[in-house]
Amino acid sequence: MSSRSVQLGDTIPALTLPPLTRTTLALYAGGSGDHIPLHIDSDYARSVGYPDVFMHGMLGAAYVSRLLTTWVTQEQLRTLDVRFVAITFPGEMLVASGVVSAVDVDAVAGRTRVDVMLRNTNGETKLTGYAIVEQPL
């Protein structure tokens, strides 16, 4: 995709994920080394006031990264800045999306800003942010 073909307002094809499972949380904890009990121990999560375990924030960031790298290569991803907005519990189905919000960012031809979002299928926003990507010229 050349920078000339990227237009303000273009959308990236959405990434629809399967429902979040406890297995996914356990696998992510093992792979990332993030073994915080809130994400993997239901009894602990309940003991501190949550109804159940919930998704690691960085797993949400990984889903958004996956969305972006289906559109550009990993080498083209320059910046990813995200904000965690809401908790995601097992059983929720997530959709990652992105829209081009600026082209030729910082007066660099081919550098594109993409606003990204992760929502559940009920429309609740879980993560917001942006990425800067290099488009091949």
N, C-alpha and C. Protein backbone atom coordinates (compact mmCIF):
# COMPACT_ATOMS: atom_id res chain seq x y z
N MET A 1 0.85 -1.17 0.00
CA MET A 1 0.00 0.00 0.00
C MET A 1 0.90 1.24 0.00
N SER A 2 0.76 2.10 -0.94
CA SER A 2 1.58 3.32 -0.98
C SER A 2 0.92 4.40 -0.15
N SER A 3 1.73 5.39 0.28
CA SER A 3 1.18 6.46 1.10
C SER A 3 0.10 7.23 0.35
N ARG A 4 0.19 7.27 -0.98
CA ARG A 4 -0.82 7.98 -1.76
C ARG A 4 -2.18 7.28 -1.70
N SER A 5 -2.19 5.97 -1.43
CA SER A 5 -3.47 5.27 -1.39
C SER A 5 -4.13 5.35 -0.01
N VAL A 6 -3.39 5.80 0.99
CA VAL A 6 -3.95 5.93 2.33
C VAL A 6 -4.61 7.29 2.46
N GLN A 7 -5.87 7.29 2.84
CA GLN A 7 -6.64 8.53 2.95
C GLN A 7 -7.11 8.73 4.38
N LEU A 8 -7.25 9.96 4.76
CA LEU A 8 -7.83 10.31 6.05
C LEU A 8 -9.20 9.65 6.15
N GLY A 9 -9.47 8.97 7.24
CA GLY A 9 -10.75 8.31 7.43
C GLY A 9 -10.80 6.86 6.98
N ASP A 10 -9.75 6.39 6.28
CA ASP A 10 -9.72 4.98 5.90
C ASP A 10 -9.77 4.10 7.15
N THR A 11 -10.44 2.97 7.05
CA THR A 11 -10.50 2.03 8.17
C THR A 11 -9.66 0.80 7.86
N ILE A 12 -9.10 0.24 8.90
CA ILE A 12 -8.38 -1.03 8.81
C ILE A 12 -9.43 -2.13 8.97
N PRO A 13 -9.32 -3.21 8.22
CA PRO A 13 -10.27 -4.31 8.43
C PRO A 13 -10.26 -4.73 9.91
N ALA A 14 -11.42 -4.80 10.51
CA ALA A 14 -11.55 -5.12 11.94
C ALA A 14 -11.05 -6.52 12.23
N LEU A 15 -10.59 -6.72 13.44
CA LEU A 15 -10.16 -8.03 13.93
C LEU A 15 -11.15 -8.46 15.00
N THR A 16 -11.95 -9.49 14.70
CA THR A 16 -12.91 -10.02 15.65
C THR A 16 -12.30 -11.23 16.31
N LEU A 17 -12.27 -11.21 17.62
CA LEU A 17 -11.62 -12.27 18.39
C LEU A 17 -12.66 -13.20 18.99
N PRO A 18 -12.27 -14.44 19.26
CA PRO A 18 -13.22 -15.34 19.92
C PRO A 18 -13.46 -14.89 21.36
N PRO A 19 -14.50 -15.40 22.00
CA PRO A 19 -14.74 -15.03 23.39
C PRO A 19 -13.50 -15.29 24.26
N LEU A 20 -13.23 -14.36 25.17
CA LEU A 20 -12.09 -14.49 26.08
C LEU A 20 -12.32 -15.67 27.01
N THR A 21 -11.29 -16.50 27.16
CA THR A 21 -11.41 -17.67 28.03
C THR A 21 -10.35 -17.62 29.14
N ARG A 22 -10.60 -18.40 30.17
CA ARG A 22 -9.62 -18.54 31.24
C ARG A 22 -8.33 -19.18 30.72
N THR A 23 -8.48 -20.06 29.75
CA THR A 23 -7.29 -20.67 29.14
C THR A 23 -6.43 -19.61 28.48
N THR A 24 -7.05 -18.69 27.74
CA THR A 24 -6.30 -17.61 27.11
C THR A 24 -5.56 -16.79 28.16
N LEU A 25 -6.23 -16.48 29.26
CA LEU A 25 -5.59 -15.71 30.33
C LEU A 25 -4.41 -16.48 30.92
N ALA A 26 -4.57 -17.77 31.14
CA ALA A 26 -3.49 -18.58 31.70
C ALA A 26 -2.31 -18.66 30.72
N LEU A 27 -2.62 -18.86 29.45
CA LEU A 27 -1.54 -18.92 28.45
C LEU A 27 -0.81 -17.59 28.34
N TYR A 28 -1.56 -16.49 28.37
CA TYR A 28 -0.92 -15.18 28.31
C TYR A 28 -0.05 -14.95 29.56
N ALA A 29 -0.56 -15.33 30.72
CA ALA A 29 0.22 -15.18 31.95
C ALA A 29 1.53 -15.95 31.84
N GLY A 30 1.46 -17.18 31.33
CA GLY A 30 2.67 -17.99 31.19
C GLY A 30 3.64 -17.40 30.19
N GLY A 31 3.12 -16.95 29.06
CA GLY A 31 4.00 -16.40 28.02
C GLY A 31 4.59 -15.06 28.37
N SER A 32 3.85 -14.25 29.11
CA SER A 32 4.31 -12.89 29.42
C SER A 32 5.05 -12.82 30.75
N GLY A 33 4.84 -13.82 31.60
CA GLY A 33 5.41 -13.77 32.94
C GLY A 33 4.58 -12.93 33.90
N ASP A 34 3.40 -12.50 33.46
CA ASP A 34 2.51 -11.67 34.28
C ASP A 34 1.53 -12.58 35.01
N HIS A 35 1.90 -12.99 36.21
CA HIS A 35 1.09 -13.94 36.98
C HIS A 35 0.31 -13.26 38.10
N ILE A 36 -0.07 -12.01 37.90
CA ILE A 36 -0.85 -11.30 38.91
C ILE A 36 -2.16 -12.06 39.14
N PRO A 37 -2.47 -12.39 40.39
CA PRO A 37 -3.64 -13.23 40.67
C PRO A 37 -4.97 -12.69 40.15
N LEU A 38 -5.11 -11.38 39.99
CA LEU A 38 -6.37 -10.83 39.47
C LEU A 38 -6.72 -11.38 38.10
N HIS A 39 -5.72 -11.85 37.37
CA HIS A 39 -5.94 -12.33 36.00
C HIS A 39 -6.11 -13.85 35.90
N ILE A 40 -5.73 -14.57 36.95
CA ILE A 40 -5.73 -16.03 36.82
C ILE A 40 -6.35 -16.79 37.99
N ASP A 41 -6.65 -16.10 39.09
CA ASP A 41 -7.17 -16.77 40.28
C ASP A 41 -8.53 -16.18 40.64
N SER A 42 -9.59 -16.90 40.28
CA SER A 42 -10.96 -16.41 40.51
C SER A 42 -11.23 -16.15 41.98
N ASP A 43 -10.78 -17.04 42.85
CA ASP A 43 -11.01 -16.85 44.29
C ASP A 43 -10.36 -15.56 44.76
N TYR A 44 -9.14 -15.31 44.33
CA TYR A 44 -8.45 -14.09 44.73
C TYR A 44 -9.20 -12.86 44.19
N ALA A 45 -9.57 -12.89 42.92
CA ALA A 45 -10.26 -11.75 42.31
C ALA A 45 -11.54 -11.43 43.09
N ARG A 46 -12.28 -12.45 43.46
CA ARG A 46 -13.51 -12.23 44.22
C ARG A 46 -13.21 -11.68 45.62
N SER A 47 -12.11 -12.15 46.21
CA SER A 47 -11.78 -11.71 47.58
C SER A 47 -11.42 -10.23 47.65
N VAL A 48 -11.05 -9.63 46.52
CA VAL A 48 -10.72 -8.21 46.51
C VAL A 48 -11.79 -7.38 45.80
N GLY A 49 -12.98 -7.99 45.57
CA GLY A 49 -14.12 -7.22 45.12
C GLY A 49 -14.48 -7.30 43.64
N TYR A 50 -13.78 -8.09 42.87
CA TYR A 50 -14.14 -8.25 41.46
C TYR A 50 -15.03 -9.49 41.30
N PRO A 51 -15.89 -9.51 40.30
CA PRO A 51 -16.75 -10.68 40.13
C PRO A 51 -16.01 -11.91 39.61
N ASP A 52 -14.84 -11.70 39.01
CA ASP A 52 -14.08 -12.81 38.43
C ASP A 52 -12.72 -12.28 38.00
N VAL A 53 -11.91 -13.17 37.46
CA VAL A 53 -10.64 -12.76 36.87
C VAL A 53 -10.93 -11.87 35.65
N PHE A 54 -9.92 -11.14 35.19
CA PHE A 54 -10.12 -10.30 34.01
C PHE A 54 -8.85 -10.22 33.19
N MET A 55 -9.02 -9.76 31.96
CA MET A 55 -7.94 -9.74 30.97
C MET A 55 -6.80 -8.81 31.39
N HIS A 56 -5.58 -9.25 31.12
CA HIS A 56 -4.41 -8.40 31.28
C HIS A 56 -4.53 -7.22 30.30
N GLY A 57 -4.23 -6.03 30.75
CA GLY A 57 -4.27 -4.88 29.85
C GLY A 57 -3.37 -5.05 28.64
N MET A 58 -2.19 -5.62 28.87
CA MET A 58 -1.26 -5.77 27.77
C MET A 58 -1.71 -6.83 26.77
N LEU A 59 -2.59 -7.72 27.16
CA LEU A 59 -3.17 -8.64 26.18
C LEU A 59 -4.05 -7.86 25.21
N GLY A 60 -4.78 -6.87 25.72
CA GLY A 60 -5.55 -5.99 24.84
C GLY A 60 -4.64 -5.24 23.88
N ALA A 61 -3.49 -4.77 24.37
CA ALA A 61 -2.53 -4.09 23.51
C ALA A 61 -2.00 -5.05 22.45
N ALA A 62 -1.81 -6.31 22.83
CA ALA A 62 -1.35 -7.30 21.86
C ALA A 62 -2.39 -7.53 20.77
N TYR A 63 -3.66 -7.53 21.14
CA TYR A 63 -4.71 -7.69 20.13
C TYR A 63 -4.71 -6.52 19.15
N VAL A 64 -4.52 -5.31 19.66
CA VAL A 64 -4.45 -4.14 18.78
C VAL A 64 -3.21 -4.22 17.90
N SER A 65 -2.10 -4.69 18.45
CA SER A 65 -0.89 -4.87 17.64
C SER A 65 -1.14 -5.88 16.53
N ARG A 66 -1.85 -6.93 16.85
CA ARG A 66 -2.20 -7.93 15.83
C ARG A 66 -3.05 -7.32 14.73
N LEU A 67 -4.01 -6.47 15.11
CA LEU A 67 -4.81 -5.76 14.13
C LEU A 67 -3.90 -4.98 13.18
N LEU A 68 -2.98 -4.22 13.74
CA LEU A 68 -2.10 -3.37 12.94
C LEU A 68 -1.18 -4.18 12.03
N THR A 69 -0.67 -5.30 12.54
CA THR A 69 0.27 -6.08 11.73
C THR A 69 -0.42 -6.99 10.72
N THR A 70 -1.75 -6.94 10.67
CA THR A 70 -2.44 -7.54 9.53
C THR A 70 -2.57 -6.53 8.40
N TRP A 71 -2.30 -5.26 8.72
CA TRP A 71 -2.41 -4.16 7.75
C TRP A 71 -1.04 -3.74 7.24
N VAL A 72 -0.05 -3.67 8.12
CA VAL A 72 1.34 -3.35 7.76
C VAL A 72 2.23 -4.38 8.43
N THR A 73 3.48 -4.43 8.02
CA THR A 73 4.41 -5.37 8.65
C THR A 73 4.81 -4.84 10.03
N GLN A 74 5.31 -5.74 10.85
CA GLN A 74 5.78 -5.35 12.18
C GLN A 74 6.86 -4.28 12.08
N GLU A 75 7.71 -4.36 11.07
CA GLU A 75 8.79 -3.39 10.88
C GLU A 75 8.26 -1.98 10.58
N GLN A 76 7.05 -1.89 10.09
CA GLN A 76 6.47 -0.58 9.76
C GLN A 76 5.79 0.08 10.96
N LEU A 77 5.59 -0.66 12.02
CA LEU A 77 4.97 -0.11 13.22
C LEU A 77 6.02 0.69 13.99
N ARG A 78 5.81 1.99 14.11
CA ARG A 78 6.78 2.88 14.76
C ARG A 78 6.41 3.20 16.20
N THR A 79 5.13 3.41 16.47
CA THR A 79 4.67 3.81 17.79
C THR A 79 3.33 3.15 18.07
N LEU A 80 3.15 2.71 19.29
CA LEU A 80 1.84 2.26 19.75
C LEU A 80 1.65 2.83 21.14
N ASP A 81 0.60 3.62 21.31
CA ASP A 81 0.30 4.26 22.57
C ASP A 81 -1.15 3.94 22.91
N VAL A 82 -1.37 3.25 24.03
CA VAL A 82 -2.73 2.84 24.38
C VAL A 82 -3.09 3.26 25.79
N ARG A 83 -4.38 3.33 26.02
CA ARG A 83 -4.94 3.64 27.34
C ARG A 83 -5.99 2.58 27.64
N PHE A 84 -5.86 1.96 28.80
CA PHE A 84 -6.82 0.94 29.21
C PHE A 84 -8.03 1.65 29.82
N VAL A 85 -9.23 1.32 29.31
CA VAL A 85 -10.44 2.06 29.66
C VAL A 85 -11.39 1.26 30.55
N ALA A 86 -11.52 -0.03 30.29
CA ALA A 86 -12.48 -0.84 31.05
C ALA A 86 -11.99 -2.28 31.15
N ILE A 87 -12.47 -2.96 32.16
CA ILE A 87 -12.10 -4.35 32.42
C ILE A 87 -12.84 -5.29 31.47
N THR A 88 -12.13 -6.34 31.03
CA THR A 88 -12.72 -7.36 30.16
C THR A 88 -12.72 -8.69 30.91
N PHE A 89 -13.90 -9.29 31.03
CA PHE A 89 -14.06 -10.54 31.76
C PHE A 89 -14.18 -11.73 30.80
N PRO A 90 -13.89 -12.94 31.29
CA PRO A 90 -14.07 -14.13 30.46
C PRO A 90 -15.48 -14.18 29.86
N GLY A 91 -15.54 -14.63 28.63
CA GLY A 91 -16.81 -14.73 27.91
C GLY A 91 -17.07 -13.56 26.99
N GLU A 92 -16.40 -12.42 27.24
CA GLU A 92 -16.60 -11.27 26.36
C GLU A 92 -15.90 -11.50 25.03
N MET A 93 -16.54 -11.05 23.97
CA MET A 93 -15.98 -11.13 22.63
C MET A 93 -15.51 -9.73 22.24
N LEU A 94 -14.28 -9.62 21.76
CA LEU A 94 -13.67 -8.33 21.46
C LEU A 94 -13.49 -8.10 19.97
N VAL A 95 -13.54 -6.83 19.58
CA VAL A 95 -13.30 -6.42 18.20
C VAL A 95 -12.31 -5.27 18.24
N ALA A 96 -11.19 -5.44 17.55
CA ALA A 96 -10.19 -4.37 17.41
C ALA A 96 -10.43 -3.66 16.09
N SER A 97 -10.32 -2.33 16.13
CA SER A 97 -10.55 -1.55 14.91
C SER A 97 -9.58 -0.39 14.86
N GLY A 98 -9.43 0.17 13.66
CA GLY A 98 -8.55 1.32 13.49
C GLY A 98 -9.01 2.19 12.34
N VAL A 99 -8.74 3.48 12.47
CA VAL A 99 -9.09 4.44 11.42
C VAL A 99 -7.92 5.40 11.24
N VAL A 100 -7.59 5.70 10.00
CA VAL A 100 -6.51 6.63 9.69
C VAL A 100 -6.97 8.03 10.11
N SER A 101 -6.20 8.64 11.02
CA SER A 101 -6.57 9.96 11.53
C SER A 101 -5.63 11.06 11.06
N ALA A 102 -4.50 10.69 10.48
CA ALA A 102 -3.56 11.69 9.93
C ALA A 102 -2.62 11.01 8.95
N VAL A 103 -2.27 11.71 7.90
CA VAL A 103 -1.28 11.22 6.94
C VAL A 103 -0.12 12.20 6.91
N ASP A 104 1.05 11.69 6.53
CA ASP A 104 2.28 12.49 6.51
C ASP A 104 2.51 13.15 7.88
N VAL A 105 2.42 12.35 8.94
CA VAL A 105 2.59 12.81 10.31
C VAL A 105 3.97 13.41 10.51
N ASP A 106 4.04 14.53 11.21
CA ASP A 106 5.31 15.24 11.45
C ASP A 106 6.01 15.58 10.15
N ALA A 107 5.23 15.84 9.11
CA ALA A 107 5.75 16.20 7.78
C ALA A 107 6.63 15.11 7.19
N VAL A 108 6.41 13.87 7.60
CA VAL A 108 7.16 12.73 7.05
C VAL A 108 6.23 12.01 6.07
N ALA A 109 6.59 12.04 4.79
CA ALA A 109 5.79 11.36 3.77
C ALA A 109 5.67 9.88 4.11
N GLY A 110 4.44 9.38 4.06
CA GLY A 110 4.22 7.96 4.29
C GLY A 110 4.05 7.58 5.74
N ARG A 111 4.24 8.51 6.66
CA ARG A 111 4.03 8.20 8.07
C ARG A 111 2.57 8.51 8.40
N THR A 112 1.86 7.49 8.88
CA THR A 112 0.41 7.57 9.06
C THR A 112 0.05 7.32 10.52
N ARG A 113 -0.89 8.11 11.03
CA ARG A 113 -1.43 7.88 12.38
C ARG A 113 -2.75 7.13 12.23
N VAL A 114 -2.88 6.09 13.03
CA VAL A 114 -4.09 5.28 13.06
C VAL A 114 -4.64 5.29 14.48
N ASP A 115 -5.85 5.78 14.66
CA ASP A 115 -6.51 5.70 15.96
C ASP A 115 -7.07 4.29 16.10
N VAL A 116 -6.78 3.65 17.23
CA VAL A 116 -7.18 2.26 17.43
C VAL A 116 -8.12 2.17 18.63
N MET A 117 -8.93 1.11 18.61
CA MET A 117 -9.89 0.89 19.67
C MET A 117 -10.14 -0.61 19.81
N LEU A 118 -10.37 -1.02 21.03
CA LEU A 118 -10.77 -2.39 21.33
C LEU A 118 -12.08 -2.29 22.09
N ARG A 119 -13.12 -2.91 21.54
CA ARG A 119 -14.46 -2.89 22.15
C ARG A 119 -14.98 -4.31 22.25
N ASN A 120 -15.92 -4.50 23.18
CA ASN A 120 -16.62 -5.78 23.16
C ASN A 120 -17.79 -5.67 22.19
N THR A 121 -18.45 -6.78 21.96
CA THR A 121 -19.53 -6.79 20.96
C THR A 121 -20.78 -6.06 21.45
N ASN A 122 -20.80 -5.64 22.71
CA ASN A 122 -21.88 -4.78 23.20
C ASN A 122 -21.56 -3.31 22.99
N GLY A 123 -20.38 -3.03 22.43
CA GLY A 123 -20.00 -1.65 22.15
C GLY A 123 -19.23 -0.97 23.27
N GLU A 124 -18.94 -1.67 24.36
CA GLU A 124 -18.20 -1.07 25.47
C GLU A 124 -16.71 -0.97 25.10
N THR A 125 -16.17 0.22 25.20
CA THR A 125 -14.76 0.44 24.88
C THR A 125 -13.89 -0.09 25.99
N LYS A 126 -12.89 -0.88 25.62
CA LYS A 126 -11.95 -1.49 26.57
C LYS A 126 -10.58 -0.83 26.51
N LEU A 127 -10.19 -0.36 25.34
CA LEU A 127 -8.87 0.22 25.13
C LEU A 127 -8.96 1.23 23.99
N THR A 128 -8.27 2.34 24.13
CA THR A 128 -8.17 3.32 23.05
C THR A 128 -6.70 3.66 22.87
N GLY A 129 -6.38 4.26 21.74
CA GLY A 129 -5.00 4.67 21.53
C GLY A 129 -4.74 5.03 20.09
N TYR A 130 -3.45 5.06 19.77
CA TYR A 130 -3.07 5.36 18.38
C TYR A 130 -1.76 4.66 18.07
N ALA A 131 -1.52 4.52 16.79
CA ALA A 131 -0.27 3.97 16.30
C ALA A 131 0.24 4.89 15.18
N ILE A 132 1.55 4.93 15.06
CA ILE A 132 2.19 5.58 13.92
C ILE A 132 2.83 4.47 13.10
N VAL A 133 2.50 4.41 11.82
CA VAL A 133 3.06 3.40 10.94
C VAL A 133 3.69 4.05 9.74
N GLU A 134 4.70 3.38 9.20
CA GLU A 134 5.34 3.80 7.95
C GLU A 134 4.69 3.05 6.81
N GLN A 135 4.23 3.76 5.84
CA GLN A 135 3.70 3.12 4.64
C GLN A 135 4.84 3.02 3.63
N PRO A 136 4.95 1.90 2.93
CA PRO A 136 5.99 1.82 1.90
C PRO A 136 5.70 2.83 0.79
N LEU A 137 6.75 3.47 0.31
CA LEU A 137 6.58 4.47 -0.76
C LEU A 137 6.62 3.82 -2.12
